[in-house]
Amino acid sequence: AMDSASSTQAVAQGKLSLSVPKAVGRFAIHPLMLEFFNHYPKIDVCLRLEDRVLDFIDDGIDLALRITHTPSPGLHGKPLMTISHVICATPGYLEHYGTPQTPQDLREHSCISLGETPADSRWKFRRGGKTETIQTHGRYAANHTAVRLDAVKQNLGIGSLPLFTAREALARGEIVQVLPEWEFISRYSGQLWLLWSGNKHMPARMRAMIDYLSEKMKPASGSPALAQRSKTTE
């Protein structure tokens, strides 16, 4: 296996264009790039951080990371990590305003949501066979994960965040998960897939990136509750 890896390293060269959702690019892909460049000194990478779906042909994309349960037919792909969401606040905020014990309690709090559609402030939770939907209110909404994370850290309220973006702050104790026994259901949850178009010979640079991301981001075992307590290696 080492021989094939080193031969890929030797011939993998040229430019790779990756289409990546903004939060995934910022928190999951960008931190992995330095090591990739060290492994493959002749590959250049262009990260396209956009939440809209780019076209492989029209937009000149080599690889795309997309959150979906069912990738489009005609594309090849590998499942990477599962994207789940949590709601979080600082220990200081909860000390001052109280810790919600049930989803209904969120009505008394300032909740930081995505703010793109009215549905984004209706937070949905599941526990056992029971589902609850709560109309939340808050003074601040932001459709960028890094901004919501920062707002939570600044005690502006209880925010909804993809777990992979909150994990580091959770591990450091800067923020804590709210209602951890309830599953927060987000329309942006799902499986992260690495996708590519299958109608051409695959250059060594593409194979190198597929193998690298597959290894670094293979689906983690364990529940979100376990994942949040384990430090990441990034």
C-alpha atoms as a PDB file:
ATOM      1  CA  ALA A   1       0.000   0.000   0.000  1.00  0.00           C
ATOM      2  CA  MET A   2       2.887   2.342   0.774  1.00  0.00           C
ATOM      3  CA  ASP A   3       4.300   1.822  -2.711  1.00  0.00           C
ATOM      4  CA  SER A   4       1.036   2.806  -4.370  1.00  0.00           C
ATOM      5  CA  ALA A   5       0.710   5.831  -2.068  1.00  0.00           C
ATOM      6  CA  SER A   6       4.201   7.050  -2.876  1.00  0.00           C
ATOM      7  CA  SER A   7       3.682   6.488  -6.617  1.00  0.00           C
ATOM      8  CA  THR A   8       0.451   8.528  -6.431  1.00  0.00           C
ATOM      9  CA  GLN A   9       2.433  11.233  -4.632  1.00  0.00           C
ATOM     10  CA  ALA A  10       5.016  11.257  -7.396  1.00  0.00           C
ATOM     11  CA  VAL A  11       2.551  11.674 -10.293  1.00  0.00           C
ATOM     12  CA  ALA A  12      -0.257  13.629  -8.608  1.00  0.00           C
ATOM     13  CA  GLN A  13      -0.011  17.181  -9.911  1.00  0.00           C
ATOM     14  CA  GLY A  14      -2.074  20.039 -11.279  1.00  0.00           C
ATOM     15  CA  LYS A  15      -5.035  22.025  -9.984  1.00  0.00           C
ATOM     16  CA  LEU A  16      -8.072  20.636  -8.148  1.00  0.00           C
ATOM     17  CA  SER A  17     -11.317  22.549  -7.726  1.00  0.00           C
ATOM     18  CA  LEU A  18     -13.530  21.573  -4.768  1.00  0.00           C
ATOM     19  CA  SER A  19     -17.094  22.782  -4.229  1.00  0.00           C
ATOM     20  CA  VAL A  20     -17.828  22.805  -0.489  1.00  0.00           C
ATOM     21  CA  PRO A  21     -20.653  24.158   1.723  1.00  0.00           C
ATOM     22  CA  LYS A  22     -19.376  27.191   3.656  1.00  0.00           C
ATOM     23  CA  ALA A  23     -19.343  25.710   7.158  1.00  0.00           C
ATOM     24  CA  VAL A  24     -17.890  22.388   5.975  1.00  0.00           C
ATOM     25  CA  GLY A  25     -15.143  24.236   4.120  1.00  0.00           C
ATOM     26  CA  ARG A  26     -14.279  26.508   7.029  1.00  0.00           C
ATOM     27  CA  PHE A  27     -14.399  23.984   9.880  1.00  0.00           C
ATOM     28  CA  ALA A  28     -13.726  20.577   8.288  1.00  0.00           C
ATOM     29  CA  ILE A  29     -11.795  20.923   5.001  1.00  0.00           C
ATOM     30  CA  HIS A  30      -9.598  24.007   5.434  1.00  0.00           C
ATOM     31  CA  PRO A  31      -7.915  22.626   8.617  1.00  0.00           C
ATOM     32  CA  LEU A  32      -6.880  19.511   6.651  1.00  0.00           C
ATOM     33  CA  MET A  33      -5.253  21.352   3.742  1.00  0.00           C
ATOM     34  CA  LEU A  34      -1.805  22.067   5.193  1.00  0.00           C
ATOM     35  CA  GLU A  35      -1.116  18.368   5.689  1.00  0.00           C
ATOM     36  CA  PHE A  36      -2.462  17.612   2.205  1.00  0.00           C
ATOM     37  CA  PHE A  37      -0.084  20.159   0.644  1.00  0.00           C
ATOM     38  CA  ASN A  38       2.822  18.598   2.546  1.00  0.00           C
ATOM     39  CA  HIS A  39       1.870  15.169   1.194  1.00  0.00           C
ATOM     40  CA  TYR A  40       1.334  16.365  -2.377  1.00  0.00           C
ATOM     41  CA  PRO A  41       3.708  19.243  -3.208  1.00  0.00           C
ATOM     42  CA  LYS A  42       2.622  19.390  -6.869  1.00  0.00           C
ATOM     43  CA  ILE A  43      -1.154  19.709  -6.348  1.00  0.00           C
ATOM     44  CA  ASP A  44      -2.821  23.131  -6.170  1.00  0.00           C
ATOM     45  CA  VAL A  45      -6.295  23.414  -4.612  1.00  0.00           C
ATOM     46  CA  CYS A  46      -9.093  25.895  -5.240  1.00  0.00           C
ATOM     47  CA  LEU A  47     -11.788  25.732  -2.521  1.00  0.00           C
ATOM     48  CA  ARG A  48     -15.162  27.098  -3.670  1.00  0.00           C
ATOM     49  CA  LEU A  49     -17.071  27.778  -0.442  1.00  0.00           C
ATOM     50  CA  GLU A  50     -20.702  28.185  -1.461  1.00  0.00           C
ATOM     51  CA  ASP A  51     -23.946  26.734  -0.162  1.00  0.00           C
ATOM     52  CA  ARG A  52     -25.489  26.645  -3.631  1.00  0.00           C
ATOM     53  CA  VAL A  53     -24.840  23.539  -5.709  1.00  0.00           C
ATOM     54  CA  LEU A  54     -22.232  24.162  -8.398  1.00  0.00           C
ATOM     55  CA  ASP A  55     -22.199  22.243 -11.662  1.00  0.00           C
ATOM     56  CA  PHE A  56     -19.289  19.924 -12.381  1.00  0.00           C
ATOM     57  CA  ILE A  57     -19.088  20.911 -16.058  1.00  0.00           C
ATOM     58  CA  ASP A  58     -20.329  24.525 -16.170  1.00  0.00           C
ATOM     59  CA  ASP A  59     -18.457  25.606 -13.038  1.00  0.00           C
ATOM     60  CA  GLY A  60     -15.368  23.474 -13.667  1.00  0.00           C
ATOM     61  CA  ILE A  61     -15.643  21.478 -10.443  1.00  0.00           C
ATOM     62  CA  ASP A  62     -13.562  18.316  -9.920  1.00  0.00           C
ATOM     63  CA  LEU A  63     -14.972  17.236  -6.549  1.00  0.00           C
ATOM     64  CA  ALA A  64     -17.987  18.332  -4.525  1.00  0.00           C
ATOM     65  CA  LEU A  65     -18.894  17.846  -0.879  1.00  0.00           C
ATOM     66  CA  ARG A  66     -22.652  17.859  -0.385  1.00  0.00           C
ATOM     67  CA  ILE A  67     -25.004  17.118   2.481  1.00  0.00           C
ATOM     68  CA  THR A  68     -27.588  14.708   1.119  1.00  0.00           C
ATOM     69  CA  HIS A  69     -29.204  11.378   1.891  1.00  0.00           C
ATOM     70  CA  THR A  70     -29.341  10.404  -1.785  1.00  0.00           C
ATOM     71  CA  PRO A  71     -26.640  11.677  -4.170  1.00  0.00           C
ATOM     72  CA  SER A  72     -27.748  12.466  -7.731  1.00  0.00           C
ATOM     73  CA  PRO A  73     -27.758   9.501 -10.108  1.00  0.00           C
ATOM     74  CA  GLY A  74     -24.816   9.611 -12.502  1.00  0.00           C
ATOM     75  CA  LEU A  75     -22.387  10.790  -9.842  1.00  0.00           C
ATOM     76  CA  HIS A  76     -19.831   8.639  -8.076  1.00  0.00           C
ATOM     77  CA  GLY A  77     -19.390   9.199  -4.377  1.00  0.00           C
ATOM     78  CA  LYS A  78     -18.178   8.217  -0.934  1.00  0.00           C
ATOM     79  CA  PRO A  79     -20.010   8.915   2.328  1.00  0.00           C
ATOM     80  CA  LEU A  80     -17.937  10.905   4.805  1.00  0.00           C
ATOM     81  CA  MET A  81     -19.095  12.115   8.225  1.00  0.00           C
ATOM     82  CA  THR A  82     -22.707  12.466   9.353  1.00  0.00           C
ATOM     83  CA  ILE A  83     -23.833  16.053   9.911  1.00  0.00           C
ATOM     84  CA  SER A  84     -25.925  16.454  13.055  1.00  0.00           C
ATOM     85  CA  HIS A  85     -26.959  19.658  14.829  1.00  0.00           C
ATOM     86  CA  VAL A  86     -26.954  20.697  18.469  1.00  0.00           C
ATOM     87  CA  ILE A  87     -28.142  23.730  20.402  1.00  0.00           C
ATOM     88  CA  CYS A  88     -25.587  25.379  22.651  1.00  0.00           C
ATOM     89  CA  ALA A  89     -25.016  28.243  25.061  1.00  0.00           C
ATOM     90  CA  THR A  90     -22.248  29.430  27.364  1.00  0.00           C
ATOM     91  CA  PRO A  91     -22.214  28.323  31.000  1.00  0.00           C
ATOM     92  CA  GLY A  92     -22.426  32.042  31.863  1.00  0.00           C
ATOM     93  CA  TYR A  93     -25.584  32.573  29.803  1.00  0.00           C
ATOM     94  CA  LEU A  94     -27.284  29.561  31.414  1.00  0.00           C
ATOM     95  CA  GLU A  95     -26.238  30.679  34.886  1.00  0.00           C
ATOM     96  CA  HIS A  96     -27.809  34.075  34.268  1.00  0.00           C
ATOM     97  CA  TYR A  97     -30.977  33.052  32.399  1.00  0.00           C
ATOM     98  CA  GLY A  98     -31.492  29.480  33.568  1.00  0.00           C
ATOM     99  CA  THR A  99     -30.993  26.138  31.813  1.00  0.00           C
ATOM    100  CA  PRO A 100     -33.921  24.918  29.686  1.00  0.00           C
ATOM    101  CA  GLN A 101     -35.207  21.536  30.909  1.00  0.00           C
ATOM    102  CA  THR A 102     -37.720  21.000  28.072  1.00  0.00           C
ATOM    103  CA  PRO A 103     -38.043  22.332  24.503  1.00  0.00           C
ATOM    104  CA  GLN A 104     -40.956  24.531  25.712  1.00  0.00           C
ATOM    105  CA  ASP A 105     -38.557  26.384  28.007  1.00  0.00           C
ATOM    106  CA  LEU A 106     -36.812  27.785  24.906  1.00  0.00           C
ATOM    107  CA  ARG A 107     -39.737  30.198  24.459  1.00  0.00           C
ATOM    108  CA  GLU A 108     -38.339  32.145  27.416  1.00  0.00           C
ATOM    109  CA  HIS A 109     -34.896  32.464  25.831  1.00  0.00           C
ATOM    110  CA  SER A 110     -33.199  34.421  23.078  1.00  0.00           C
ATOM    111  CA  CYS A 111     -32.549  31.823  20.357  1.00  0.00           C
ATOM    112  CA  ILE A 112     -30.024  32.403  17.572  1.00  0.00           C
ATOM    113  CA  SER A 113     -31.242  30.770  14.364  1.00  0.00           C
ATOM    114  CA  LEU A 114     -30.270  30.705  10.698  1.00  0.00           C
ATOM    115  CA  GLY A 115     -32.810  33.350   9.696  1.00  0.00           C
ATOM    116  CA  GLU A 116     -33.125  32.462   6.002  1.00  0.00           C
ATOM    117  CA  THR A 117     -36.778  31.349   6.144  1.00  0.00           C
ATOM    118  CA  PRO A 118     -39.544  31.499   8.790  1.00  0.00           C
ATOM    119  CA  ALA A 119     -39.057  27.739   9.282  1.00  0.00           C
ATOM    120  CA  ASP A 120     -35.542  28.355  10.623  1.00  0.00           C
ATOM    121  CA  SER A 121     -36.928  29.745  13.900  1.00  0.00           C
ATOM    122  CA  ARG A 122     -39.248  26.756  14.384  1.00  0.00           C
ATOM    123  CA  TRP A 123     -36.971  24.338  16.202  1.00  0.00           C
ATOM    124  CA  LYS A 124     -37.893  20.685  16.084  1.00  0.00           C
ATOM    125  CA  PHE A 125     -36.827  18.093  18.652  1.00  0.00           C
ATOM    126  CA  ARG A 126     -37.199  14.331  18.958  1.00  0.00           C
ATOM    127  CA  ARG A 127     -36.922  12.127  22.017  1.00  0.00           C
ATOM    128  CA  GLY A 128     -37.923   8.487  21.859  1.00  0.00           C
ATOM    129  CA  GLY A 129     -41.077   8.464  19.735  1.00  0.00           C
ATOM    130  CA  LYS A 130     -42.026  12.020  20.641  1.00  0.00           C
ATOM    131  CA  THR A 131     -41.485  15.088  18.442  1.00  0.00           C
ATOM    132  CA  GLU A 132     -41.909  18.687  19.569  1.00  0.00           C
ATOM    133  CA  THR A 133     -41.779  21.851  17.475  1.00  0.00           C
ATOM    134  CA  ILE A 134     -41.139  25.155  19.224  1.00  0.00           C
ATOM    135  CA  GLN A 135     -41.518  28.631  17.726  1.00  0.00           C
ATOM    136  CA  THR A 136     -38.390  30.344  19.005  1.00  0.00           C
ATOM    137  CA  HIS A 137     -37.613  34.055  19.179  1.00  0.00           C
ATOM    138  CA  GLY A 138     -34.371  35.916  19.415  1.00  0.00           C
ATOM    139  CA  ARG A 139     -32.786  39.273  18.735  1.00  0.00           C
ATOM    140  CA  TYR A 140     -30.151  37.844  16.403  1.00  0.00           C
ATOM    141  CA  ALA A 141     -30.147  35.497  13.419  1.00  0.00           C
ATOM    142  CA  ALA A 142     -27.246  34.770  11.070  1.00  0.00           C
ATOM    143  CA  ASN A 143     -26.929  32.442   8.093  1.00  0.00           C
ATOM    144  CA  HIS A 144     -23.239  31.815   8.714  1.00  0.00           C
ATOM    145  CA  THR A 145     -22.245  29.134  11.201  1.00  0.00           C
ATOM    146  CA  ALA A 146     -19.053  30.862  12.367  1.00  0.00           C
ATOM    147  CA  VAL A 147     -21.080  33.993  13.182  1.00  0.00           C
ATOM    148  CA  ARG A 148     -23.682  32.008  15.159  1.00  0.00           C
ATOM    149  CA  LEU A 149     -20.911  30.207  17.061  1.00  0.00           C
ATOM    150  CA  ASP A 150     -19.296  33.538  17.894  1.00  0.00           C
ATOM    151  CA  ALA A 151     -22.663  34.993  18.966  1.00  0.00           C
ATOM    152  CA  VAL A 152     -23.208  32.045  21.312  1.00  0.00           C
ATOM    153  CA  LYS A 153     -19.728  32.557  22.807  1.00  0.00           C
ATOM    154  CA  GLN A 154     -20.621  36.227  23.382  1.00  0.00           C
ATOM    155  CA  ASN A 155     -23.658  35.253  25.495  1.00  0.00           C
ATOM    156  CA  LEU A 156     -26.192  36.510  22.934  1.00  0.00           C
ATOM    157  CA  GLY A 157     -28.383  33.456  23.402  1.00  0.00           C
ATOM    158  CA  ILE A 158     -28.864  29.776  22.648  1.00  0.00           C
ATOM    159  CA  GLY A 159     -27.727  28.924  19.121  1.00  0.00           C
ATOM    160  CA  SER A 160     -28.233  26.080  16.666  1.00  0.00           C
ATOM    161  CA  LEU A 161     -24.940  24.749  15.289  1.00  0.00           C
ATOM    162  CA  PRO A 162     -23.686  21.775  13.279  1.00  0.00           C
ATOM    163  CA  LEU A 163     -21.929  19.538  15.814  1.00  0.00           C
ATOM    164  CA  PHE A 164     -18.658  19.461  13.860  1.00  0.00           C
ATOM    165  CA  THR A 165     -18.405  23.267  14.131  1.00  0.00           C
ATOM    166  CA  ALA A 166     -19.154  23.322  17.868  1.00  0.00           C
ATOM    167  CA  ARG A 167     -17.033  20.344  18.905  1.00  0.00           C
ATOM    168  CA  GLU A 168     -13.857  22.267  19.742  1.00  0.00           C
ATOM    169  CA  ALA A 169     -15.647  24.893  21.873  1.00  0.00           C
ATOM    170  CA  LEU A 170     -17.623  22.116  23.601  1.00  0.00           C
ATOM    171  CA  ALA A 171     -14.434  20.181  24.364  1.00  0.00           C
ATOM    172  CA  ARG A 172     -12.862  23.324  25.862  1.00  0.00           C
ATOM    173  CA  GLY A 173     -15.962  24.014  27.960  1.00  0.00           C
ATOM    174  CA  GLU A 174     -16.503  27.456  26.376  1.00  0.00           C
ATOM    175  CA  ILE A 175     -20.024  26.373  25.443  1.00  0.00           C
ATOM    176  CA  VAL A 176     -22.254  23.496  26.546  1.00  0.00           C
ATOM    177  CA  GLN A 177     -24.982  21.535  24.819  1.00  0.00           C
ATOM    178  CA  VAL A 178     -28.542  22.500  25.778  1.00  0.00           C
ATOM    179  CA  LEU A 179     -31.237  19.772  25.986  1.00  0.00           C
ATOM    180  CA  PRO A 180     -28.651  17.048  25.209  1.00  0.00           C
ATOM    181  CA  GLU A 181     -31.225  14.272  25.723  1.00  0.00           C
ATOM    182  CA  TRP A 182     -33.316  15.653  22.827  1.00  0.00           C
ATOM    183  CA  GLU A 183     -32.259  15.230  19.192  1.00  0.00           C
ATOM    184  CA  PHE A 184     -32.354  18.558  17.344  1.00  0.00           C
ATOM    185  CA  ILE A 185     -33.811  17.958  13.870  1.00  0.00           C
ATOM    186  CA  SER A 186     -32.446  20.304  11.216  1.00  0.00           C
ATOM    187  CA  ARG A 187     -33.203  20.335   7.503  1.00  0.00           C
ATOM    188  CA  TYR A 188     -29.456  20.755   7.051  1.00  0.00           C
ATOM    189  CA  SER A 189     -28.650  17.457   8.762  1.00  0.00           C
ATOM    190  CA  GLY A 190     -27.678  14.388   6.788  1.00  0.00           C
ATOM    191  CA  GLN A 191     -24.753  12.517   5.330  1.00  0.00           C
ATOM    192  CA  LEU A 192     -21.804  14.449   3.935  1.00  0.00           C
ATOM    193  CA  TRP A 193     -20.877  12.924   0.569  1.00  0.00           C
ATOM    194  CA  LEU A 194     -17.742  13.404  -1.502  1.00  0.00           C
ATOM    195  CA  LEU A 195     -18.958  13.340  -5.108  1.00  0.00           C
ATOM    196  CA  TRP A 196     -17.405  13.364  -8.559  1.00  0.00           C
ATOM    197  CA  SER A 197     -18.600  13.027 -12.114  1.00  0.00           C
ATOM    198  CA  GLY A 198     -17.979   9.588 -13.554  1.00  0.00           C
ATOM    199  CA  ASN A 199     -17.621  10.294 -17.245  1.00  0.00           C
ATOM    200  CA  LYS A 200     -13.873  10.757 -17.524  1.00  0.00           C
ATOM    201  CA  HIS A 201     -10.582   9.135 -16.618  1.00  0.00           C
ATOM    202  CA  MET A 202      -9.676  10.044 -13.049  1.00  0.00           C
ATOM    203  CA  PRO A 203      -6.413  12.020 -12.755  1.00  0.00           C
ATOM    204  CA  ALA A 204      -4.004  11.035  -9.969  1.00  0.00           C
ATOM    205  CA  ARG A 205      -4.637  14.368  -8.195  1.00  0.00           C
ATOM    206  CA  MET A 206      -8.348  13.529  -7.838  1.00  0.00           C
ATOM    207  CA  ARG A 207      -7.613  10.037  -6.554  1.00  0.00           C
ATOM    208  CA  ALA A 208      -5.143  11.557  -4.056  1.00  0.00           C
ATOM    209  CA  MET A 209      -7.753  13.983  -2.661  1.00  0.00           C
ATOM    210  CA  ILE A 210     -10.512  11.333  -2.539  1.00  0.00           C
ATOM    211  CA  ASP A 211      -8.261   8.931  -0.620  1.00  0.00           C
ATOM    212  CA  TYR A 212      -7.017  11.674   1.710  1.00  0.00           C
ATOM    213  CA  LEU A 213     -10.471  13.032   2.623  1.00  0.00           C
ATOM    214  CA  SER A 214     -11.916   9.516   2.928  1.00  0.00           C
ATOM    215  CA  GLU A 215      -9.229   8.641   5.456  1.00  0.00           C
ATOM    216  CA  LYS A 216      -9.428  11.904   7.416  1.00  0.00           C
ATOM    217  CA  MET A 217     -13.219  12.172   7.485  1.00  0.00           C
ATOM    218  CA  LYS A 218     -14.406   8.591   7.592  1.00  0.00           C
ATOM    219  CA  PRO A 219     -17.769   8.236   9.352  1.00  0.00           C
ATOM    220  CA  ALA A 220     -17.144   8.331  13.092  1.00  0.00           C
ATOM    221  CA  SER A 221     -18.619   5.688  15.323  1.00  0.00           C
ATOM    222  CA  GLY A 222     -20.458   6.715  18.449  1.00  0.00           C
ATOM    223  CA  SER A 223     -23.293   9.067  19.220  1.00  0.00           C
ATOM    224  CA  PRO A 224     -23.163  12.876  19.015  1.00  0.00           C
ATOM    225  CA  ALA A 225     -23.061  12.914  22.833  1.00  0.00           C
ATOM    226  CA  LEU A 226     -19.884  10.824  22.795  1.00  0.00           C
ATOM    227  CA  ALA A 227     -18.436  12.784  19.900  1.00  0.00           C
ATOM    228  CA  GLN A 228     -18.815  16.107  21.659  1.00  0.00           C
ATOM    229  CA  ARG A 229     -16.764  14.940  24.631  1.00  0.00           C
ATOM    230  CA  SER A 230     -13.850  13.601  22.626  1.00  0.00           C
ATOM    231  CA  LYS A 231     -11.241  16.098  21.507  1.00  0.00           C
ATOM    232  CA  THR A 232     -10.638  16.327  17.782  1.00  0.00           C
ATOM    233  CA  THR A 233      -7.125  15.894  16.452  1.00  0.00           C
ATOM    234  CA  GLU A 234      -7.286  18.966  14.243  1.00  0.00           C
END
